[in-house]
PDB file of N, CA and C in Angstrom:
ATOM      1  N   MET A   1     126.641  97.233  88.655  1.00  0.00           N
ATOM      2  CA  MET A   1     127.866  98.090  88.063  1.00  0.00           C
ATOM      3  C   MET A   1     128.588  97.052  87.403  1.00  0.00           C
ATOM      4  N   SER A   2     129.297  97.548  86.321  1.00  0.00           N
ATOM      5  CA  SER A   2     130.212  96.822  85.509  1.00  0.00           C
ATOM      6  C   SER A   2     131.579  96.859  86.202  1.00  0.00           C
ATOM      7  N   GLY A   3     131.905  98.065  86.525  1.00  0.00           N
ATOM      8  CA  GLY A   3     133.216  98.329  87.088  1.00  0.00           C
ATOM      9  C   GLY A   3     133.108  98.373  88.621  1.00  0.00           C
ATOM     10  N   PRO A   4     134.089  97.921  89.352  1.00  0.00           N
ATOM     11  CA  PRO A   4     134.006  97.827  90.718  1.00  0.00           C
ATOM     12  C   PRO A   4     133.769  99.303  91.486  1.00  0.00           C
ATOM     13  N   ALA A   5     133.151  99.365  92.606  1.00  0.00           N
ATOM     14  CA  ALA A   5     133.186 100.546  93.387  1.00  0.00           C
ATOM     15  C   ALA A   5     134.467 100.432  94.186  1.00  0.00           C
ATOM     16  N   PRO A   6     134.883 101.695  94.690  1.00  0.00           N
ATOM     17  CA  PRO A   6     136.057 101.726  95.589  1.00  0.00           C
ATOM     18  C   PRO A   6     136.090 100.515  96.569  1.00  0.00           C
ATOM     19  N   ALA A   7     137.230  99.974  96.989  1.00  0.00           N
ATOM     20  CA  ALA A   7     137.375  98.762  97.822  1.00  0.00           C
ATOM     21  C   ALA A   7     136.606  98.979  99.108  1.00  0.00           C
ATOM     22  N   HIS A   8     136.770 100.397  99.514  1.00  0.00           N
ATOM     23  CA  HIS A   8     136.255 100.476 101.074  1.00  0.00           C
ATOM     24  C   HIS A   8     134.665 100.623 101.037  1.00  0.00           C
ATOM     25  N   LEU A   9     134.050 100.488  99.783  1.00  0.00           N
ATOM     26  CA  LEU A   9     132.706 100.608  99.689  1.00  0.00           C
ATOM     27  C   LEU A   9     132.101  99.166  99.214  1.00  0.00           C
ATOM     28  N   GLY A  10     132.799  98.265  99.253  1.00  0.00           N
ATOM     29  CA  GLY A  10     132.495  96.909  98.967  1.00  0.00           C
ATOM     30  C   GLY A  10     131.204  96.333  99.470  1.00  0.00           C
ATOM     31  N   TYR A  11     131.205  96.552 100.848  1.00  0.00           N
ATOM     32  CA  TYR A  11     129.945  95.980 101.592  1.00  0.00           C
ATOM     33  C   TYR A  11     128.714  96.826 101.027  1.00  0.00           C
ATOM     34  N   GLN A  12     128.824  98.142 100.877  1.00  0.00           N
ATOM     35  CA  GLN A  12     127.677  98.831 100.533  1.00  0.00           C
ATOM     36  C   GLN A  12     127.293  98.506  99.043  1.00  0.00           C
ATOM     37  N   GLU A  13     128.208  98.172  98.180  1.00  0.00           N
ATOM     38  CA  GLU A  13     128.033  97.918  96.837  1.00  0.00           C
ATOM     39  C   GLU A  13     127.180  96.465  96.707  1.00  0.00           C
ATOM     40  N   ASP A  14     127.726  95.514  97.619  1.00  0.00           N
ATOM     41  CA  ASP A  14     126.999  94.351  97.667  1.00  0.00           C
ATOM     42  C   ASP A  14     125.512  94.395  98.090  1.00  0.00           C
ATOM     43  N   LYS A  15     125.344  95.411  99.081  1.00  0.00           N
ATOM     44  CA  LYS A  15     124.030  95.534  99.482  1.00  0.00           C
ATOM     45  C   LYS A  15     123.063  96.463  98.630  1.00  0.00           C
ATOM     46  N   ASN A  16     123.718  97.074  97.612  1.00  0.00           N
ATOM     47  CA  ASN A  16     122.935  98.141  96.768  1.00  0.00           C
ATOM     48  C   ASN A  16     122.679  99.364  97.667  1.00  0.00           C
ATOM     49  N   GLU A  17     123.705  99.750  98.444  1.00  0.00           N
ATOM     50  CA  GLU A  17     123.425 100.871  99.302  1.00  0.00           C
ATOM     51  C   GLU A  17     124.504 101.913  99.058  1.00  0.00           C
ATOM     52  N   LEU A  18     124.875 102.081  97.840  1.00  0.00           N
ATOM     53  CA  LEU A  18     125.841 103.246  97.462  1.00  0.00           C
ATOM     54  C   LEU A  18     125.074 104.472  97.210  1.00  0.00           C
ATOM     55  N   TYR A  19     125.738 105.534  97.694  1.00  0.00           N
ATOM     56  CA  TYR A  19     124.965 106.781  97.545  1.00  0.00           C
ATOM     57  C   TYR A  19     126.005 107.878  96.924  1.00  0.00           C
ATOM     58  N   LEU A  20     125.360 108.845  96.458  1.00  0.00           N
ATOM     59  CA  LEU A  20     126.180 110.106  95.866  1.00  0.00           C
ATOM     60  C   LEU A  20     126.296 111.011  97.062  1.00  0.00           C
ATOM     61  N   SER A  21     127.416 111.472  97.312  1.00  0.00           N
ATOM     62  CA  SER A  21     127.655 112.524  98.294  1.00  0.00           C
ATOM     63  C   SER A  21     127.327 113.949  97.679  1.00  0.00           C
ATOM     64  N   ALA A  22     127.475 115.101  98.426  1.00  0.00           N
ATOM     65  CA  ALA A  22     127.270 116.331  97.933  1.00  0.00           C
ATOM     66  C   ALA A  22     128.392 116.753  97.172  1.00  0.00           C
ATOM     67  N   ASN A  23     129.566 116.154  97.333  1.00  0.00           N
ATOM     68  CA  ASN A  23     130.753 116.467  96.607  1.00  0.00           C
ATOM     69  C   ASN A  23     130.970 115.472  95.284  1.00  0.00           C
ATOM     70  N   GLY A  24     129.915 114.705  95.056  1.00  0.00           N
ATOM     71  CA  GLY A  24     130.029 113.909  93.900  1.00  0.00           C
ATOM     72  C   GLY A  24     130.689 112.590  93.882  1.00  0.00           C
ATOM     73  N   ALA A  25     131.122 112.179  95.160  1.00  0.00           N
ATOM     74  CA  ALA A  25     131.764 110.784  95.324  1.00  0.00           C
ATOM     75  C   ALA A  25     130.748 109.772  95.737  1.00  0.00           C
ATOM     76  N   LEU A  26     131.111 108.548  95.438  1.00  0.00           N
ATOM     77  CA  LEU A  26     130.288 107.454  95.858  1.00  0.00           C
ATOM     78  C   LEU A  26     130.590 107.381  97.366  1.00  0.00           C
ATOM     79  N   SER A  27     129.600 107.087  98.217  1.00  0.00           N
ATOM     80  CA  SER A  27     129.757 106.932  99.473  1.00  0.00           C
ATOM     81  C   SER A  27     128.836 105.838 100.152  1.00  0.00           C
ATOM     82  N   GLY A  28     128.930 105.410 101.335  1.00  0.00           N
ATOM     83  CA  GLY A  28     128.053 104.630 101.986  1.00  0.00           C
ATOM     84  C   GLY A  28     127.188 105.482 102.835  1.00  0.00           C
ATOM     85  N   PRO A  29     127.476 105.710 104.062  1.00  0.00           N
ATOM     86  CA  PRO A  29     126.513 106.349 104.818  1.00  0.00           C
ATOM     87  C   PRO A  29     126.318 107.914 104.693  1.00  0.00           C
ATOM     88  N   LYS A  30     127.250 108.569 104.005  1.00  0.00           N
ATOM     89  CA  LYS A  30     126.988 110.043 103.715  1.00  0.00           C
ATOM     90  C   LYS A  30     126.534 110.566 102.582  1.00  0.00           C
ATOM     91  N   GLN A  31     125.272 109.942 102.364  1.00  0.00           N
ATOM     92  CA  GLN A  31     124.524 110.329 101.217  1.00  0.00           C
ATOM     93  C   GLN A  31     124.151 111.822 101.163  1.00  0.00           C
ATOM     94  N   CYS A  32     124.033 112.306  99.983  1.00  0.00           N
ATOM     95  CA  CYS A  32     123.688 113.744  99.794  1.00  0.00           C
ATOM     96  C   CYS A  32     122.181 113.834 100.274  1.00  0.00           C
ATOM     97  N   GLN A  33     121.935 114.942 101.048  1.00  0.00           N
ATOM     98  CA  GLN A  33     120.565 115.212 101.564  1.00  0.00           C
ATOM     99  C   GLN A  33     120.198 116.578 100.979  1.00  0.00           C
ATOM    100  N   LEU A  34     119.315 116.842 100.096  1.00  0.00           N
ATOM    101  CA  LEU A  34     118.950 117.985  99.397  1.00  0.00           C
ATOM    102  C   LEU A  34     117.463 118.549  99.813  1.00  0.00           C
ATOM    103  N   ASP A  35     117.364 119.728  99.711  1.00  0.00           N
ATOM    104  CA  ASP A  35     116.070 120.390 100.040  1.00  0.00           C
ATOM    105  C   ASP A  35     114.972 120.197  99.205  1.00  0.00           C
ATOM    106  N   THR A  36     115.187 119.886  97.987  1.00  0.00           N
ATOM    107  CA  THR A  36     113.961 119.831  97.030  1.00  0.00           C
ATOM    108  C   THR A  36     114.305 118.558  96.071  1.00  0.00           C
ATOM    109  N   LYS A  37     113.303 117.922  95.499  1.00  0.00           N
ATOM    110  CA  LYS A  37     113.372 116.825  94.598  1.00  0.00           C
ATOM    111  C   LYS A  37     113.890 117.241  93.290  1.00  0.00           C
ATOM    112  N   GLU A  38     113.509 118.516  92.894  1.00  0.00           N
ATOM    113  CA  GLU A  38     113.968 119.055  91.754  1.00  0.00           C
ATOM    114  C   GLU A  38     115.498 119.208  91.747  1.00  0.00           C
ATOM    115  N   LEU A  39     116.004 119.655  92.786  1.00  0.00           N
ATOM    116  CA  LEU A  39     117.576 119.773  93.005  1.00  0.00           C
ATOM    117  C   LEU A  39     118.058 118.479  92.840  1.00  0.00           C
ATOM    118  N   ALA A  40     117.661 117.550  93.501  1.00  0.00           N
ATOM    119  CA  ALA A  40     118.203 116.206  93.672  1.00  0.00           C
ATOM    120  C   ALA A  40     118.125 115.563  92.132  1.00  0.00           C
ATOM    121  N   GLU A  41     117.074 115.658  91.426  1.00  0.00           N
ATOM    122  CA  GLU A  41     117.063 115.207  90.129  1.00  0.00           C
ATOM    123  C   GLU A  41     117.961 115.792  89.119  1.00  0.00           C
ATOM    124  N   LYS A  42     118.258 117.265  89.329  1.00  0.00           N
ATOM    125  CA  LYS A  42     119.283 117.895  88.397  1.00  0.00           C
ATOM    126  C   LYS A  42     120.604 117.406  88.885  1.00  0.00           C
ATOM    127  N   PHE A  43     120.839 117.320  90.073  1.00  0.00           N
ATOM    128  CA  PHE A  43     122.352 116.720  90.561  1.00  0.00           C
ATOM    129  C   PHE A  43     122.585 115.392  90.141  1.00  0.00           C
ATOM    130  N   LEU A  44     121.513 114.513  90.260  1.00  0.00           N
ATOM    131  CA  LEU A  44     121.892 113.098  89.683  1.00  0.00           C
ATOM    132  C   LEU A  44     122.002 113.153  88.175  1.00  0.00           C
ATOM    133  N   GLU A  45     121.305 113.933  87.466  1.00  0.00           N
ATOM    134  CA  GLU A  45     121.244 113.967  86.059  1.00  0.00           C
ATOM    135  C   GLU A  45     122.695 114.476  85.600  1.00  0.00           C
ATOM    136  N   ALA A  46     123.249 115.547  86.324  1.00  0.00           N
ATOM    137  CA  ALA A  46     124.491 116.025  86.024  1.00  0.00           C
ATOM    138  C   ALA A  46     125.732 114.866  86.290  1.00  0.00           C
ATOM    139  N   TYR A  47     125.543 114.097  87.248  1.00  0.00           N
ATOM    140  CA  TYR A  47     126.465 113.137  87.607  1.00  0.00           C
ATOM    141  C   TYR A  47     126.343 111.790  86.951  1.00  0.00           C
ATOM    142  N   MET A  48     125.261 111.517  86.250  1.00  0.00           N
ATOM    143  CA  MET A  48     125.075 110.188  85.657  1.00  0.00           C
ATOM    144  C   MET A  48     126.168 109.793  84.630  1.00  0.00           C
ATOM    145  N   PRO A  49     126.492 110.860  83.806  1.00  0.00           N
ATOM    146  CA  PRO A  49     127.482 110.565  82.697  1.00  0.00           C
ATOM    147  C   PRO A  49     128.811 110.183  83.280  1.00  0.00           C
ATOM    148  N   ARG A  50     129.040 110.832  84.340  1.00  0.00           N
ATOM    149  CA  ARG A  50     130.462 110.572  84.943  1.00  0.00           C
ATOM    150  C   ARG A  50     130.277 109.151  85.626  1.00  0.00           C
ATOM    151  N   LEU A  51     129.262 108.602  86.329  1.00  0.00           N
ATOM    152  CA  LEU A  51     129.083 107.511  86.859  1.00  0.00           C
ATOM    153  C   LEU A  51     129.120 106.325  85.989  1.00  0.00           C
ATOM    154  N   GLN A  52     128.408 106.676  84.831  1.00  0.00           N
ATOM    155  CA  GLN A  52     128.348 105.568  83.779  1.00  0.00           C
ATOM    156  C   GLN A  52     129.788 105.406  83.048  1.00  0.00           C
ATOM    157  N   LYS A  53     130.467 106.419  82.916  1.00  0.00           N
ATOM    158  CA  LYS A  53     131.763 106.324  82.251  1.00  0.00           C
ATOM    159  C   LYS A  53     132.794 105.546  83.283  1.00  0.00           C
ATOM    160  N   ARG A  54     132.674 105.824  84.451  1.00  0.00           N
ATOM    161  CA  ARG A  54     133.546 105.217  85.471  1.00  0.00           C
ATOM    162  C   ARG A  54     133.187 103.719  85.714  1.00  0.00           C
ATOM    163  N   TYR A  55     131.895 103.510  85.937  1.00  0.00           N
ATOM    164  CA  TYR A  55     131.353 102.241  86.440  1.00  0.00           C
ATOM    165  C   TYR A  55     130.529 101.371  85.388  1.00  0.00           C
ATOM    166  N   GLY A  56     130.370 101.957  84.308  1.00  0.00           N
ATOM    167  CA  GLY A  56     129.674 101.181  83.242  1.00  0.00           C
ATOM    168  C   GLY A  56     128.381 101.718  82.832  1.00  0.00           C
ATOM    169  N   ALA A  57     127.884 101.489  81.734  1.00  0.00           N
ATOM    170  CA  ALA A  57     126.660 102.040  81.298  1.00  0.00           C
ATOM    171  C   ALA A  57     125.460 101.402  81.877  1.00  0.00           C
ATOM    172  N   ASN A  58     125.587 100.374  82.710  1.00  0.00           N
ATOM    173  CA  ASN A  58     124.478  99.725  83.316  1.00  0.00           C
ATOM    174  C   ASN A  58     124.137 100.379  84.765  1.00  0.00           C
ATOM    175  N   VAL A  59     124.848 101.411  85.105  1.00  0.00           N
ATOM    176  CA  VAL A  59     124.647 101.952  86.564  1.00  0.00           C
ATOM    177  C   VAL A  59     123.222 102.496  86.582  1.00  0.00           C
ATOM    178  N   LEU A  60     122.537 102.129  87.770  1.00  0.00           N
ATOM    179  CA  LEU A  60     121.236 102.647  87.880  1.00  0.00           C
ATOM    180  C   LEU A  60     121.319 103.425  89.127  1.00  0.00           C
ATOM    181  N   ALA A  61     120.551 104.659  89.182  1.00  0.00           N
ATOM    182  CA  ALA A  61     120.575 105.437  90.455  1.00  0.00           C
ATOM    183  C   ALA A  61     119.139 106.094  90.407  1.00  0.00           C
ATOM    184  N   GLU A  62     118.589 106.425  91.517  1.00  0.00           N
ATOM    185  CA  GLU A  62     117.391 107.028  91.607  1.00  0.00           C
ATOM    186  C   GLU A  62     117.489 108.001  92.876  1.00  0.00           C
ATOM    187  N   VAL A  63     116.588 108.954  92.765  1.00  0.00           N
ATOM    188  CA  VAL A  63     116.327 109.841  93.814  1.00  0.00           C
ATOM    189  C   VAL A  63     115.335 109.329  94.594  1.00  0.00           C
ATOM    190  N   PHE A  64     115.433 109.332  96.051  1.00  0.00           N
ATOM    191  CA  PHE A  64     114.385 108.897  96.868  1.00  0.00           C
ATOM    192  C   PHE A  64     114.229 109.915  97.963  1.00  0.00           C
ATOM    193  N   LYS A  65     113.012 109.907  98.638  1.00  0.00           N
ATOM    194  CA  LYS A  65     112.691 110.745  99.740  1.00  0.00           C
ATOM    195  C   LYS A  65     113.078 109.946 100.973  1.00  0.00           C
ATOM    196  N   CYS A  66     113.559 110.696 101.948  1.00  0.00           N
ATOM    197  CA  CYS A  66     113.821 110.034 103.243  1.00  0.00           C
ATOM    198  C   CYS A  66     113.368 111.018 104.285  1.00  0.00           C
ATOM    199  N   GLU A  67     112.843 110.555 105.297  1.00  0.00           N
ATOM    200  CA  GLU A  67     112.343 111.262 106.427  1.00  0.00           C
ATOM    201  C   GLU A  67     113.156 110.834 107.617  1.00  0.00           C
ATOM    202  N   ALA A  68     113.397 111.818 108.470  1.00  0.00           N
ATOM    203  CA  ALA A  68     114.129 111.487 109.843  1.00  0.00           C
ATOM    204  C   ALA A  68     113.350 111.852 110.897  1.00  0.00           C
ATOM    205  N   GLN A  69     113.405 111.134 111.968  1.00  0.00           N
ATOM    206  CA  GLN A  69     112.814 111.335 113.211  1.00  0.00           C
ATOM    207  C   GLN A  69     113.775 111.884 114.137  1.00  0.00           C
ATOM    208  N   CYS A  70     113.598 113.165 114.513  1.00  0.00           N
ATOM    209  CA  CYS A  70     114.623 113.766 115.418  1.00  0.00           C
ATOM    210  C   CYS A  70     114.266 113.600 116.830  1.00  0.00           C
ATOM    211  N   SER A  71     115.224 113.278 117.693  1.00  0.00           N
ATOM    212  CA  SER A  71     114.840 113.040 119.121  1.00  0.00           C
ATOM    213  C   SER A  71     114.897 114.252 119.977  1.00  0.00           C
ATOM    214  N   GLY A  72     115.391 115.408 119.482  1.00  0.00           N
ATOM    215  CA  GLY A  72     115.532 116.675 120.189  1.00  0.00           C
ATOM    216  C   GLY A  72     115.865 117.796 119.310  1.00  0.00           C
ATOM    217  N   ALA A  73     115.836 118.954 119.792  1.00  0.00           N
ATOM    218  CA  ALA A  73     115.999 120.247 119.135  1.00  0.00           C
ATOM    219  C   ALA A  73     117.415 120.184 118.553  1.00  0.00           C
ATOM    220  N   LEU A  74     118.435 119.643 119.234  1.00  0.00           N
ATOM    221  CA  LEU A  74     119.887 119.641 118.814  1.00  0.00           C
ATOM    222  C   LEU A  74     119.889 118.674 117.550  1.00  0.00           C
ATOM    223  N   SER A  75     119.187 117.562 117.605  1.00  0.00           N
ATOM    224  CA  SER A  75     119.218 116.683 116.397  1.00  0.00           C
ATOM    225  C   SER A  75     118.626 117.306 115.236  1.00  0.00           C
ATOM    226  N   GLU A  76     117.476 117.913 115.379  1.00  0.00           N
ATOM    227  CA  GLU A  76     116.806 118.604 114.335  1.00  0.00           C
ATOM    228  C   GLU A  76     117.570 119.713 113.736  1.00  0.00           C
ATOM    229  N   LYS A  77     118.264 120.386 114.492  1.00  0.00           N
ATOM    230  CA  LYS A  77     119.221 121.502 114.016  1.00  0.00           C
ATOM    231  C   LYS A  77     120.258 120.908 113.160  1.00  0.00           C
ATOM    232  N   ARG A  78     120.899 119.710 113.688  1.00  0.00           N
ATOM    233  CA  ARG A  78     121.950 119.165 112.897  1.00  0.00           C
ATOM    234  C   ARG A  78     121.450 118.725 111.493  1.00  0.00           C
ATOM    235  N   VAL A  79     120.300 118.054 111.498  1.00  0.00           N
ATOM    236  CA  VAL A  79     119.695 117.696 110.290  1.00  0.00           C
ATOM    237  C   VAL A  79     119.400 118.773 109.348  1.00  0.00           C
ATOM    238  N   ARG A  80     118.847 119.806 109.802  1.00  0.00           N
ATOM    239  CA  ARG A  80     118.525 120.932 108.998  1.00  0.00           C
ATOM    240  C   ARG A  80     119.835 121.555 108.432  1.00  0.00           C
ATOM    241  N   ALA A  81     120.831 121.596 109.303  1.00  0.00           N
ATOM    242  CA  ALA A  81     122.103 122.130 108.874  1.00  0.00           C
ATOM    243  C   ALA A  81     122.781 121.394 107.737  1.00  0.00           C
ATOM    244  N   ARG A  82     122.646 120.068 107.898  1.00  0.00           N
ATOM    245  CA  ARG A  82     123.360 119.137 106.913  1.00  0.00           C
ATOM    246  C   ARG A  82     122.593 119.247 105.619  1.00  0.00           C
ATOM    247  N   ILE A  83     121.241 119.380 105.563  1.00  0.00           N
ATOM    248  CA  ILE A  83     120.508 119.556 104.275  1.00  0.00           C
ATOM    249  C   ILE A  83     120.798 120.787 103.766  1.00  0.00           C
ATOM    250  N   GLU A  84     120.877 121.864 104.582  1.00  0.00           N
ATOM    251  CA  GLU A  84     121.303 123.270 103.983  1.00  0.00           C
ATOM    252  C   GLU A  84     122.720 123.257 103.433  1.00  0.00           C
ATOM    253  N   ALA A  85     123.614 122.548 104.096  1.00  0.00           N
ATOM    254  CA  ALA A  85     125.034 122.525 103.626  1.00  0.00           C
ATOM    255  C   ALA A  85     125.070 121.709 102.255  1.00  0.00           C
ATOM    256  N   ASP A  86     124.520 120.553 102.309  1.00  0.00           N
ATOM    257  CA  ASP A  86     124.548 119.739 101.145  1.00  0.00           C
ATOM    258  C   ASP A  86     123.843 120.331  99.842  1.00  0.00           C
ATOM    259  N   SER A  87     122.762 121.091 100.060  1.00  0.00           N
ATOM    260  CA  SER A  87     122.036 121.806  99.050  1.00  0.00           C
ATOM    261  C   SER A  87     122.929 122.892  98.479  1.00  0.00           C
ATOM    262  N   ARG A  88     123.563 123.687  99.505  1.00  0.00           N
ATOM    263  CA  ARG A  88     124.444 124.753  99.024  1.00  0.00           C
ATOM    264  C   ARG A  88     125.646 124.219  98.180  1.00  0.00           C
ATOM    265  N   ILE A  89     126.215 123.114  98.444  1.00  0.00           N
ATOM    266  CA  ILE A  89     127.311 122.463  97.657  1.00  0.00           C
ATOM    267  C   ILE A  89     126.690 122.032  96.318  1.00  0.00           C
ATOM    268  N   ALA A  90     125.580 121.292  96.324  1.00  0.00           N
ATOM    269  CA  ALA A  90     124.944 120.797  95.052  1.00  0.00           C
ATOM    270  C   ALA A  90     124.578 121.900  94.153  1.00  0.00           C
ATOM    271  N   ARG A  91     124.068 122.956  94.623  1.00  0.00           N
ATOM    272  CA  ARG A  91     123.715 124.167  93.700  1.00  0.00           C
ATOM    273  C   ARG A  91     124.958 124.815  93.241  1.00  0.00           C
ATOM    274  N   LYS A  92     126.087 124.905  94.101  1.00  0.00           N
ATOM    275  CA  LYS A  92     127.138 125.530  93.510  1.00  0.00           C
ATOM    276  C   LYS A  92     127.814 124.624  92.556  1.00  0.00           C
ATOM    277  N   ARG A  93     127.783 123.262  92.737  1.00  0.00           N
ATOM    278  CA  ARG A  93     128.471 122.477  91.664  1.00  0.00           C
ATOM    279  C   ARG A  93     127.694 122.570  90.237  1.00  0.00           C
ATOM    280  N   LEU A  94     126.329 122.592  90.477  1.00  0.00           N
ATOM    281  CA  LEU A  94     125.589 122.705  89.171  1.00  0.00           C
ATOM    282  C   LEU A  94     125.875 124.069  88.515  1.00  0.00           C
ATOM    283  N   GLU A  95     125.990 125.161  89.266  1.00  0.00           N
ATOM    284  CA  GLU A  95     126.199 126.406  88.749  1.00  0.00           C
ATOM    285  C   GLU A  95     127.550 126.580  88.042  1.00  0.00           C
ATOM    286  N   THR A  96     128.558 126.009  88.661  1.00  0.00           N
ATOM    287  CA  THR A  96     129.932 126.144  88.145  1.00  0.00           C
ATOM    288  C   THR A  96     130.219 125.161  87.214  1.00  0.00           C
ATOM    289  N   GLY A  97     129.626 123.965  87.263  1.00  0.00           N
ATOM    290  CA  GLY A  97     129.950 122.886  86.443  1.00  0.00           C
ATOM    291  C   GLY A  97     131.182 122.072  86.938  1.00  0.00           C
ATOM    292  N   LEU A  98     131.685 122.424  88.158  1.00  0.00           N
ATOM    293  CA  LEU A  98     132.718 121.781  88.879  1.00  0.00           C
ATOM    294  C   LEU A  98     132.200 120.528  89.440  1.00  0.00           C
ATOM    295  N   LEU A  99     132.324 119.415  88.770  1.00  0.00           N
ATOM    296  CA  LEU A  99     131.683 118.322  89.370  1.00  0.00           C
ATOM    297  C   LEU A  99     132.717 117.293  89.931  1.00  0.00           C
ATOM    298  N   ALA A 100     133.961 117.383  89.869  1.00  0.00           N
ATOM    299  CA  ALA A 100     135.037 116.629  90.369  1.00  0.00           C
ATOM    300  C   ALA A 100     134.863 116.682  91.906  1.00  0.00           C
ATOM    301  N   PRO A 101     134.948 115.676  92.709  1.00  0.00           N
ATOM    302  CA  PRO A 101     134.924 115.570  94.073  1.00  0.00           C
ATOM    303  C   PRO A 101     136.021 116.515  94.873  1.00  0.00           C
ATOM    304  N   ASN A 102     137.016 116.612  94.161  1.00  0.00           N
ATOM    305  CA  ASN A 102     138.187 117.370  94.840  1.00  0.00           C
ATOM    306  C   ASN A 102     138.223 118.859  94.229  1.00  0.00           C
ATOM    307  N   ALA A 103     137.319 119.243  93.478  1.00  0.00           N
ATOM    308  CA  ALA A 103     137.149 120.691  92.964  1.00  0.00           C
ATOM    309  C   ALA A 103     136.940 121.655  94.119  1.00  0.00           C
ATOM    310  N   ARG A 104     137.619 122.665  94.210  1.00  0.00           N
ATOM    311  CA  ARG A 104     137.346 123.600  95.292  1.00  0.00           C
ATOM    312  C   ARG A 104     136.167 124.515  94.786  1.00  0.00           C
ATOM    313  N   LEU A 105     135.216 124.652  95.494  1.00  0.00           N
ATOM    314  CA  LEU A 105     133.958 125.348  95.172  1.00  0.00           C
ATOM    315  C   LEU A 105     133.991 126.740  95.960  1.00  0.00           C
ATOM    316  N   PHE A 106     134.423 126.871  97.118  1.00  0.00           N
ATOM    317  CA  PHE A 106     134.236 128.005  98.160  1.00  0.00           C
ATOM    318  C   PHE A 106     135.807 128.379  98.509  1.00  0.00           C
ATOM    319  N   ASP A 107     136.097 129.665  98.400  1.00  0.00           N
ATOM    320  CA  ASP A 107     137.335 130.198  98.856  1.00  0.00           C
ATOM    321  C   ASP A 107     137.210 130.771 100.286  1.00  0.00           C
TER     322      ASP A 107
END
């Protein structure tokens, strides 16, 4: 990136471990977890112009698949709930065009 990431994400930036959250903010460990690759690609495509404007034209981002091994029913429920919640937020952001992290989506 040509522009610096927020200071609290300096370590993640150094390790190339910055992620996009479901609310469209750069984050370290709270990456967006979506239910389909197609949704992830559309979501990233919608945010790339914002990221490039803020951090420079050389910003690189990619969609990747991640699999989790759950150690119990409760963990599996939490993972599924997180994916469902992030997917719902991402779809709503794409539908409304409200891409700012602080934009209210649900009343």
